[in-house]
Amino acid sequence: MCRNIKTLFNFDPPATEDEIHAASLQFVRKLSGFHTPSKANEEAFNQAVQEVAVVAKNLLNSLVSNAEPRNRETEIERAQARNAKRFGTNGQTE
């Protein structure tokens, strides 16, 4: 499940609110063991996602790097090349 959490720092353009929320949701899912919480745990689960998203956004805004910002398209191409090497496919569906 945590493999779905993508690196969000040092990209141009910066990470969006949706990307930060998605990573926060995956993190809370991993910690809690719930993909979808029960009604009894829903409020605590959603609160945790919101709090993690705030902390993640603060972290991303606080970090500095001397490296050039990464390009999303280039990173996607690299990931597809790694997948092709690992799984013997180009990652595209026909």
PDB file of N, CA and C in Angstrom:
ATOM      1  N   MET A   1       0.819  -1.191   0.000  1.00  0.00           N
ATOM      2  CA  MET A   1       0.000   0.000   0.000  1.00  0.00           C
ATOM      3  C   MET A   1       0.862   1.253   0.000  1.00  0.00           C
ATOM      4  N   CYS A   2       1.942   1.280   0.765  1.00  0.00           N
ATOM      5  CA  CYS A   2       2.782   2.485   0.821  1.00  0.00           C
ATOM      6  C   CYS A   2       3.525   2.732  -0.484  1.00  0.00           C
ATOM      7  N   ARG A   3       3.609   1.725  -1.330  1.00  0.00           N
ATOM      8  CA  ARG A   3       4.249   1.957  -2.619  1.00  0.00           C
ATOM      9  C   ARG A   3       3.472   2.967  -3.448  1.00  0.00           C
ATOM     10  N   ASN A   4       2.199   3.170  -3.102  1.00  0.00           N
ATOM     11  CA  ASN A   4       1.375   4.122  -3.834  1.00  0.00           C
ATOM     12  C   ASN A   4       1.634   5.559  -3.413  1.00  0.00           C
ATOM     13  N   ILE A   5       2.356   5.759  -2.321  1.00  0.00           N
ATOM     14  CA  ILE A   5       2.676   7.110  -1.884  1.00  0.00           C
ATOM     15  C   ILE A   5       3.859   7.585  -2.715  1.00  0.00           C
ATOM     16  N   LYS A   6       3.638   8.626  -3.459  1.00  0.00           N
ATOM     17  CA  LYS A   6       4.663   9.142  -4.358  1.00  0.00           C
ATOM     18  C   LYS A   6       5.434  10.275  -3.701  1.00  0.00           C
ATOM     19  N   THR A   7       6.682  10.431  -4.103  1.00  0.00           N
ATOM     20  CA  THR A   7       7.483  11.566  -3.656  1.00  0.00           C
ATOM     21  C   THR A   7       6.836  12.837  -4.182  1.00  0.00           C
ATOM     22  N   LEU A   8       6.676  13.810  -3.306  1.00  0.00           N
ATOM     23  CA  LEU A   8       6.001  15.057  -3.692  1.00  0.00           C
ATOM     24  C   LEU A   8       6.921  16.264  -3.658  1.00  0.00           C
ATOM     25  N   PHE A   9       8.117  16.101  -3.125  1.00  0.00           N
ATOM     26  CA  PHE A   9       9.019  17.238  -2.963  1.00  0.00           C
ATOM     27  C   PHE A   9       9.852  17.505  -4.210  1.00  0.00           C
ATOM     28  N   ASN A  10      10.085  18.766  -4.457  1.00  0.00           N
ATOM     29  CA  ASN A  10      10.986  19.264  -5.495  1.00  0.00           C
ATOM     30  C   ASN A  10      10.523  18.935  -6.908  1.00  0.00           C
ATOM     31  N   PHE A  11       9.260  19.183  -7.165  1.00  0.00           N
ATOM     32  CA  PHE A  11       8.720  19.052  -8.510  1.00  0.00           C
ATOM     33  C   PHE A  11       8.293  20.416  -9.016  1.00  0.00           C
ATOM     34  N   ASP A  12       8.334  20.560 -10.305  1.00  0.00           N
ATOM     35  CA  ASP A  12       7.848  21.779 -10.944  1.00  0.00           C
ATOM     36  C   ASP A  12       6.772  21.370 -11.939  1.00  0.00           C
ATOM     37  N   PRO A  13       5.524  21.719 -11.727  1.00  0.00           N
ATOM     38  CA  PRO A  13       4.975  22.532 -10.644  1.00  0.00           C
ATOM     39  C   PRO A  13       4.925  21.751  -9.331  1.00  0.00           C
ATOM     40  N   PRO A  14       4.815  22.471  -8.207  1.00  0.00           N
ATOM     41  CA  PRO A  14       4.774  21.820  -6.896  1.00  0.00           C
ATOM     42  C   PRO A  14       3.565  20.889  -6.753  1.00  0.00           C
ATOM     43  N   ALA A  15       3.630  20.051  -5.741  1.00  0.00           N
ATOM     44  CA  ALA A  15       2.543  19.103  -5.462  1.00  0.00           C
ATOM     45  C   ALA A  15       1.230  19.856  -5.251  1.00  0.00           C
ATOM     46  N   THR A  16       0.156  19.249  -5.739  1.00  0.00           N
ATOM     47  CA  THR A  16      -1.166  19.849  -5.581  1.00  0.00           C
ATOM     48  C   THR A  16      -1.790  19.403  -4.265  1.00  0.00           C
ATOM     49  N   GLU A  17      -2.855  20.077  -3.874  1.00  0.00           N
ATOM     50  CA  GLU A  17      -3.609  19.690  -2.681  1.00  0.00           C
ATOM     51  C   GLU A  17      -4.119  18.255  -2.826  1.00  0.00           C
ATOM     52  N   ASP A  18      -4.565  17.889  -4.023  1.00  0.00           N
ATOM     53  CA  ASP A  18      -5.072  16.531  -4.258  1.00  0.00           C
ATOM     54  C   ASP A  18      -3.976  15.487  -4.074  1.00  0.00           C
ATOM     55  N   GLU A  19      -2.774  15.773  -4.542  1.00  0.00           N
ATOM     56  CA  GLU A  19      -1.662  14.832  -4.382  1.00  0.00           C
ATOM     57  C   GLU A  19      -1.286  14.670  -2.911  1.00  0.00           C
ATOM     58  N   ILE A  20      -1.279  15.763  -2.188  1.00  0.00           N
ATOM     59  CA  ILE A  20      -0.958  15.709  -0.763  1.00  0.00           C
ATOM     60  C   ILE A  20      -2.043  14.930  -0.025  1.00  0.00           C
ATOM     61  N   HIS A  21      -3.304  15.179  -0.353  1.00  0.00           N
ATOM     62  CA  HIS A  21      -4.407  14.454   0.288  1.00  0.00           C
ATOM     63  C   HIS A  21      -4.328  12.963  -0.021  1.00  0.00           C
ATOM     64  N   ALA A  22      -4.043  12.608  -1.269  1.00  0.00           N
ATOM     65  CA  ALA A  22      -3.957  11.195  -1.654  1.00  0.00           C
ATOM     66  C   ALA A  22      -2.837  10.488  -0.887  1.00  0.00           C
ATOM     67  N   ALA A  23      -1.693  11.132  -0.748  1.00  0.00           N
ATOM     68  CA  ALA A  23      -0.584  10.543  -0.002  1.00  0.00           C
ATOM     69  C   ALA A  23      -0.953  10.408   1.476  1.00  0.00           C
ATOM     70  N   SER A  24      -1.632  11.395   2.015  1.00  0.00           N
ATOM     71  CA  SER A  24      -2.065  11.354   3.411  1.00  0.00           C
ATOM     72  C   SER A  24      -3.064  10.232   3.633  1.00  0.00           C
ATOM     73  N   LEU A  25      -3.977  10.074   2.714  1.00  0.00           N
ATOM     74  CA  LEU A  25      -4.966   8.994   2.798  1.00  0.00           C
ATOM     75  C   LEU A  25      -4.283   7.636   2.780  1.00  0.00           C
ATOM     76  N   GLN A  26      -3.329   7.438   1.889  1.00  0.00           N
ATOM     77  CA  GLN A  26      -2.603   6.167   1.825  1.00  0.00           C
ATOM     78  C   GLN A  26      -1.839   5.907   3.116  1.00  0.00           C
ATOM     79  N   PHE A  27      -1.238   6.935   3.679  1.00  0.00           N
ATOM     80  CA  PHE A  27      -0.482   6.795   4.922  1.00  0.00           C
ATOM     81  C   PHE A  27      -1.402   6.373   6.066  1.00  0.00           C
ATOM     82  N   VAL A  28      -2.543   7.033   6.207  1.00  0.00           N
ATOM     83  CA  VAL A  28      -3.480   6.697   7.276  1.00  0.00           C
ATOM     84  C   VAL A  28      -4.069   5.304   7.046  1.00  0.00           C
ATOM     85  N   ARG A  29      -4.333   4.943   5.802  1.00  0.00           N
ATOM     86  CA  ARG A  29      -4.798   3.584   5.513  1.00  0.00           C
ATOM     87  C   ARG A  29      -3.787   2.551   5.973  1.00  0.00           C
ATOM     88  N   LYS A  30      -2.522   2.809   5.704  1.00  0.00           N
ATOM     89  CA  LYS A  30      -1.471   1.874   6.092  1.00  0.00           C
ATOM     90  C   LYS A  30      -1.390   1.767   7.610  1.00  0.00           C
ATOM     91  N   LEU A  31      -1.390   2.893   8.297  1.00  0.00           N
ATOM     92  CA  LEU A  31      -1.285   2.879   9.751  1.00  0.00           C
ATOM     93  C   LEU A  31      -2.476   2.199  10.413  1.00  0.00           C
ATOM     94  N   SER A  32      -3.660   2.481   9.915  1.00  0.00           N
ATOM     95  CA  SER A  32      -4.878   1.965  10.546  1.00  0.00           C
ATOM     96  C   SER A  32      -5.216   0.541  10.122  1.00  0.00           C
ATOM     97  N   GLY A  33      -4.766   0.165   8.944  1.00  0.00           N
ATOM     98  CA  GLY A  33      -5.139  -1.149   8.419  1.00  0.00           C
ATOM     99  C   GLY A  33      -6.505  -1.141   7.762  1.00  0.00           C
ATOM    100  N   PHE A  34      -7.122   0.022   7.656  1.00  0.00           N
ATOM    101  CA  PHE A  34      -8.448   0.153   7.036  1.00  0.00           C
ATOM    102  C   PHE A  34      -8.309   0.751   5.647  1.00  0.00           C
ATOM    103  N   HIS A  35      -8.973   0.137   4.674  1.00  0.00           N
ATOM    104  CA  HIS A  35      -9.106   0.802   3.374  1.00  0.00           C
ATOM    105  C   HIS A  35     -10.247   1.792   3.481  1.00  0.00           C
ATOM    106  N   THR A  36     -11.336   1.318   4.052  1.00  0.00           N
ATOM    107  CA  THR A  36     -12.487   2.160   4.353  1.00  0.00           C
ATOM    108  C   THR A  36     -12.863   1.885   5.805  1.00  0.00           C
ATOM    109  N   PRO A  37     -12.854   2.889   6.666  1.00  0.00           N
ATOM    110  CA  PRO A  37     -13.149   2.644   8.075  1.00  0.00           C
ATOM    111  C   PRO A  37     -14.638   2.372   8.308  1.00  0.00           C
ATOM    112  N   SER A  38     -14.930   1.735   9.427  1.00  0.00           N
ATOM    113  CA  SER A  38     -16.324   1.530   9.822  1.00  0.00           C
ATOM    114  C   SER A  38     -16.924   2.876  10.209  1.00  0.00           C
ATOM    115  N   LYS A  39     -18.222   2.912  10.333  1.00  0.00           N
ATOM    116  CA  LYS A  39     -18.894   4.155  10.750  1.00  0.00           C
ATOM    117  C   LYS A  39     -18.374   4.622  12.104  1.00  0.00           C
ATOM    118  N   ALA A  40     -18.068   3.664  12.995  1.00  0.00           N
ATOM    119  CA  ALA A  40     -17.575   4.012  14.329  1.00  0.00           C
ATOM    120  C   ALA A  40     -16.203   4.687  14.261  1.00  0.00           C
ATOM    121  N   ASN A  41     -15.397   4.359  13.258  1.00  0.00           N
ATOM    122  CA  ASN A  41     -14.040   4.908  13.136  1.00  0.00           C
ATOM    123  C   ASN A  41     -13.905   5.969  12.055  1.00  0.00           C
ATOM    124  N   GLU A  42     -14.964   6.230  11.331  1.00  0.00           N
ATOM    125  CA  GLU A  42     -14.895   7.137  10.186  1.00  0.00           C
ATOM    126  C   GLU A  42     -14.434   8.547  10.562  1.00  0.00           C
ATOM    127  N   GLU A  43     -14.974   9.092  11.642  1.00  0.00           N
ATOM    128  CA  GLU A  43     -14.619  10.456  12.032  1.00  0.00           C
ATOM    129  C   GLU A  43     -13.133  10.560  12.409  1.00  0.00           C
ATOM    130  N   ALA A  44     -12.649   9.606  13.203  1.00  0.00           N
ATOM    131  CA  ALA A  44     -11.239   9.609  13.605  1.00  0.00           C
ATOM    132  C   ALA A  44     -10.337   9.417  12.391  1.00  0.00           C
ATOM    133  N   PHE A  45     -10.719   8.539  11.483  1.00  0.00           N
ATOM    134  CA  PHE A  45      -9.958   8.267  10.272  1.00  0.00           C
ATOM    135  C   PHE A  45      -9.855   9.529   9.414  1.00  0.00           C
ATOM    136  N   ASN A  46     -10.988  10.165   9.156  1.00  0.00           N
ATOM    137  CA  ASN A  46     -10.999  11.373   8.320  1.00  0.00           C
ATOM    138  C   ASN A  46     -10.235  12.520   8.971  1.00  0.00           C
ATOM    139  N   GLN A  47     -10.344  12.631  10.300  1.00  0.00           N
ATOM    140  CA  GLN A  47      -9.594  13.664  11.025  1.00  0.00           C
ATOM    141  C   GLN A  47      -8.094  13.423  10.884  1.00  0.00           C
ATOM    142  N   ALA A  48      -7.692  12.166  10.982  1.00  0.00           N
ATOM    143  CA  ALA A  48      -6.272  11.830  10.840  1.00  0.00           C
ATOM    144  C   ALA A  48      -5.771  12.175   9.441  1.00  0.00           C
ATOM    145  N   VAL A  49      -6.557  11.887   8.422  1.00  0.00           N
ATOM    146  CA  VAL A  49      -6.161  12.208   7.047  1.00  0.00           C
ATOM    147  C   VAL A  49      -5.958  13.716   6.910  1.00  0.00           C
ATOM    148  N   GLN A  50      -6.875  14.499   7.453  1.00  0.00           N
ATOM    149  CA  GLN A  50      -6.762  15.955   7.359  1.00  0.00           C
ATOM    150  C   GLN A  50      -5.526  16.469   8.104  1.00  0.00           C
ATOM    151  N   GLU A  51      -5.267  15.925   9.288  1.00  0.00           N
ATOM    152  CA  GLU A  51      -4.120  16.372  10.070  1.00  0.00           C
ATOM    153  C   GLU A  51      -2.801  15.984   9.393  1.00  0.00           C
ATOM    154  N   VAL A  52      -2.736  14.790   8.852  1.00  0.00           N
ATOM    155  CA  VAL A  52      -1.530  14.365   8.139  1.00  0.00           C
ATOM    156  C   VAL A  52      -1.317  15.247   6.910  1.00  0.00           C
ATOM    157  N   ALA A  53      -2.380  15.601   6.220  1.00  0.00           N
ATOM    158  CA  ALA A  53      -2.263  16.454   5.032  1.00  0.00           C
ATOM    159  C   ALA A  53      -1.700  17.829   5.398  1.00  0.00           C
ATOM    160  N   VAL A  54      -2.139  18.377   6.520  1.00  0.00           N
ATOM    161  CA  VAL A  54      -1.633  19.682   6.969  1.00  0.00           C
ATOM    162  C   VAL A  54      -0.146  19.588   7.284  1.00  0.00           C
ATOM    163  N   VAL A  55       0.236  18.543   8.011  1.00  0.00           N
ATOM    164  CA  VAL A  55       1.645  18.362   8.372  1.00  0.00           C
ATOM    165  C   VAL A  55       2.488  18.133   7.113  1.00  0.00           C
ATOM    166  N   ALA A  56       1.976  17.338   6.189  1.00  0.00           N
ATOM    167  CA  ALA A  56       2.708  17.060   4.945  1.00  0.00           C
ATOM    168  C   ALA A  56       2.904  18.341   4.139  1.00  0.00           C
ATOM    169  N   LYS A  57       1.860  19.149   4.055  1.00  0.00           N
ATOM    170  CA  LYS A  57       1.974  20.411   3.306  1.00  0.00           C
ATOM    171  C   LYS A  57       2.990  21.336   3.967  1.00  0.00           C
ATOM    172  N   ASN A  58       2.959  21.403   5.300  1.00  0.00           N
ATOM    173  CA  ASN A  58       3.938  22.226   6.018  1.00  0.00           C
ATOM    174  C   ASN A  58       5.347  21.727   5.766  1.00  0.00           C
ATOM    175  N   LEU A  59       5.530  20.426   5.780  1.00  0.00           N
ATOM    176  CA  LEU A  59       6.840  19.842   5.510  1.00  0.00           C
ATOM    177  C   LEU A  59       7.314  20.218   4.110  1.00  0.00           C
ATOM    178  N   LEU A  60       6.474  19.996   3.117  1.00  0.00           N
ATOM    179  CA  LEU A  60       6.857  20.292   1.737  1.00  0.00           C
ATOM    180  C   LEU A  60       7.194  21.764   1.545  1.00  0.00           C
ATOM    181  N   ASN A  61       6.462  22.626   2.238  1.00  0.00           N
ATOM    182  CA  ASN A  61       6.725  24.069   2.126  1.00  0.00           C
ATOM    183  C   ASN A  61       7.990  24.487   2.858  1.00  0.00           C
ATOM    184  N   SER A  62       8.441  23.685   3.824  1.00  0.00           N
ATOM    185  CA  SER A  62       9.613  24.023   4.623  1.00  0.00           C
ATOM    186  C   SER A  62      10.918  23.489   4.041  1.00  0.00           C
ATOM    187  N   LEU A  63      10.842  22.444   3.249  1.00  0.00           N
ATOM    188  CA  LEU A  63      12.045  21.818   2.713  1.00  0.00           C
ATOM    189  C   LEU A  63      12.709  22.701   1.660  1.00  0.00           C
ATOM    190  N   VAL A  64      14.033  22.622   1.584  1.00  0.00           N
ATOM    191  CA  VAL A  64      14.795  23.349   0.576  1.00  0.00           C
ATOM    192  C   VAL A  64      15.685  22.358  -0.167  1.00  0.00           C
ATOM    193  N   SER A  65      16.005  22.683  -1.391  1.00  0.00           N
ATOM    194  CA  SER A  65      16.871  21.828  -2.185  1.00  0.00           C
ATOM    195  C   SER A  65      17.694  22.689  -3.121  1.00  0.00           C
ATOM    196  N   ASN A  66      18.938  22.279  -3.321  1.00  0.00           N
ATOM    197  CA  ASN A  66      19.797  22.941  -4.300  1.00  0.00           C
ATOM    198  C   ASN A  66      19.681  22.277  -5.660  1.00  0.00           C
ATOM    199  N   ALA A  67      19.010  21.134  -5.710  1.00  0.00           N
ATOM    200  CA  ALA A  67      18.850  20.401  -6.967  1.00  0.00           C
ATOM    201  C   ALA A  67      17.777  21.063  -7.828  1.00  0.00           C
ATOM    202  N   GLU A  68      17.907  20.847  -9.118  1.00  0.00           N
ATOM    203  CA  GLU A  68      16.891  21.338 -10.045  1.00  0.00           C
ATOM    204  C   GLU A  68      15.565  20.613  -9.756  1.00  0.00           C
ATOM    205  N   PRO A  69      14.438  21.317  -9.870  1.00  0.00           N
ATOM    206  CA  PRO A  69      13.152  20.634  -9.689  1.00  0.00           C
ATOM    207  C   PRO A  69      12.988  19.518 -10.715  1.00  0.00           C
ATOM    208  N   ARG A  70      12.368  18.434 -10.280  1.00  0.00           N
ATOM    209  CA  ARG A  70      12.139  17.300 -11.167  1.00  0.00           C
ATOM    210  C   ARG A  70      10.939  17.564 -12.069  1.00  0.00           C
ATOM    211  N   ASN A  71      10.991  16.955 -13.231  1.00  0.00           N
ATOM    212  CA  ASN A  71       9.929  17.066 -14.214  1.00  0.00           C
ATOM    213  C   ASN A  71       9.033  15.835 -14.102  1.00  0.00           C
ATOM    214  N   ARG A  72       7.735  16.028 -13.960  1.00  0.00           N
ATOM    215  CA  ARG A  72       6.804  14.912 -13.765  1.00  0.00           C
ATOM    216  C   ARG A  72       6.818  13.935 -14.941  1.00  0.00           C
ATOM    217  N   GLU A  73       6.860  14.446 -16.144  1.00  0.00           N
ATOM    218  CA  GLU A  73       6.841  13.572 -17.319  1.00  0.00           C
ATOM    219  C   GLU A  73       8.092  12.705 -17.376  1.00  0.00           C
ATOM    220  N   THR A  74       9.240  13.300 -17.067  1.00  0.00           N
ATOM    221  CA  THR A  74      10.494  12.551 -17.055  1.00  0.00           C
ATOM    222  C   THR A  74      10.448  11.459 -15.990  1.00  0.00           C
ATOM    223  N   GLU A  75       9.907  11.767 -14.820  1.00  0.00           N
ATOM    224  CA  GLU A  75       9.811  10.779 -13.742  1.00  0.00           C
ATOM    225  C   GLU A  75       8.866   9.638 -14.121  1.00  0.00           C
ATOM    226  N   ILE A  76       7.790   9.957 -14.828  1.00  0.00           N
ATOM    227  CA  ILE A  76       6.859   8.916 -15.297  1.00  0.00           C
ATOM    228  C   ILE A  76       7.564   8.004 -16.295  1.00  0.00           C
ATOM    229  N   GLU A  77       8.303   8.587 -17.213  1.00  0.00           N
ATOM    230  CA  GLU A  77       9.042   7.784 -18.196  1.00  0.00           C
ATOM    231  C   GLU A  77      10.057   6.877 -17.514  1.00  0.00           C
ATOM    232  N   ARG A  78      10.755   7.395 -16.520  1.00  0.00           N
ATOM    233  CA  ARG A  78      11.730   6.579 -15.784  1.00  0.00           C
ATOM    234  C   ARG A  78      11.041   5.430 -15.058  1.00  0.00           C
ATOM    235  N   ALA A  79       9.898   5.705 -14.448  1.00  0.00           N
ATOM    236  CA  ALA A  79       9.152   4.658 -13.736  1.00  0.00           C
ATOM    237  C   ALA A  79       8.678   3.586 -14.717  1.00  0.00           C
ATOM    238  N   GLN A  80       8.220   3.993 -15.891  1.00  0.00           N
ATOM    239  CA  GLN A  80       7.780   3.025 -16.899  1.00  0.00           C
ATOM    240  C   GLN A  80       8.951   2.172 -17.374  1.00  0.00           C
ATOM    241  N   ALA A  81      10.126   2.773 -17.522  1.00  0.00           N
ATOM    242  CA  ALA A  81      11.310   2.014 -17.929  1.00  0.00           C
ATOM    243  C   ALA A  81      11.699   1.004 -16.852  1.00  0.00           C
ATOM    244  N   ARG A  82      11.626   1.416 -15.570  1.00  0.00           N
ATOM    245  CA  ARG A  82      11.922   0.482 -14.471  1.00  0.00           C
ATOM    246  C   ARG A  82      10.920  -0.666 -14.457  1.00  0.00           C
ATOM    247  N   ASN A  83       9.641  -0.344 -14.672  1.00  0.00           N
ATOM    248  CA  ASN A  83       8.606  -1.382 -14.700  1.00  0.00           C
ATOM    249  C   ASN A  83       8.820  -2.340 -15.862  1.00  0.00           C
ATOM    250  N   ALA A  84       9.198  -1.812 -17.012  1.00  0.00           N
ATOM    251  CA  ALA A  84       9.440  -2.667 -18.176  1.00  0.00           C
ATOM    252  C   ALA A  84      10.591  -3.625 -17.900  1.00  0.00           C
ATOM    253  N   LYS A  85      11.624  -3.111 -17.262  1.00  0.00           N
ATOM    254  CA  LYS A  85      12.776  -3.952 -16.934  1.00  0.00           C
ATOM    255  C   LYS A  85      12.397  -4.998 -15.884  1.00  0.00           C
ATOM    256  N   ARG A  86      11.616  -4.585 -14.915  1.00  0.00           N
ATOM    257  CA  ARG A  86      11.243  -5.482 -13.816  1.00  0.00           C
ATOM    258  C   ARG A  86      10.195  -6.502 -14.225  1.00  0.00           C
ATOM    259  N   PHE A  87       9.163  -6.065 -14.941  1.00  0.00           N
ATOM    260  CA  PHE A  87       8.027  -6.929 -15.261  1.00  0.00           C
ATOM    261  C   PHE A  87       7.955  -7.361 -16.703  1.00  0.00           C
ATOM    262  N   GLY A  88       8.848  -6.858 -17.554  1.00  0.00           N
ATOM    263  CA  GLY A  88       8.850  -7.240 -18.951  1.00  0.00           C
ATOM    264  C   GLY A  88       7.723  -6.643 -19.760  1.00  0.00           C
ATOM    265  N   THR A  89       7.278  -5.463 -19.380  1.00  0.00           N
ATOM    266  CA  THR A  89       6.215  -4.775 -20.108  1.00  0.00           C
ATOM    267  C   THR A  89       6.533  -3.287 -20.125  1.00  0.00           C
ATOM    268  N   ASN A  90       5.900  -2.588 -21.027  1.00  0.00           N
ATOM    269  CA  ASN A  90       6.144  -1.146 -21.088  1.00  0.00           C
ATOM    270  C   ASN A  90       5.177  -0.355 -20.226  1.00  0.00           C
ATOM    271  N   GLY A  91       4.289  -1.049 -19.492  1.00  0.00           N
ATOM    272  CA  GLY A  91       3.376  -0.370 -18.585  1.00  0.00           C
ATOM    273  C   GLY A  91       2.166   0.237 -19.261  1.00  0.00           C
ATOM    274  N   GLN A  92       2.037   0.035 -20.562  1.00  0.00           N
ATOM    275  CA  GLN A  92       0.901   0.578 -21.283  1.00  0.00           C
ATOM    276  C   GLN A  92      -0.053  -0.540 -21.630  1.00  0.00           C
ATOM    277  N   THR A  93      -1.330  -0.231 -21.614  1.00  0.00           N
ATOM    278  CA  THR A  93      -2.334  -1.223 -21.992  1.00  0.00           C
ATOM    279  C   THR A  93      -2.670  -1.064 -23.465  1.00  0.00           C
ATOM    280  N   GLU A  94      -3.072  -2.143 -24.052  1.00  0.00           N
ATOM    281  CA  GLU A  94      -3.406  -2.092 -25.480  1.00  0.00           C
ATOM    282  C   GLU A  94      -4.876  -1.951 -25.692  1.00  0.00           C
TER     283      GLU A  94
END
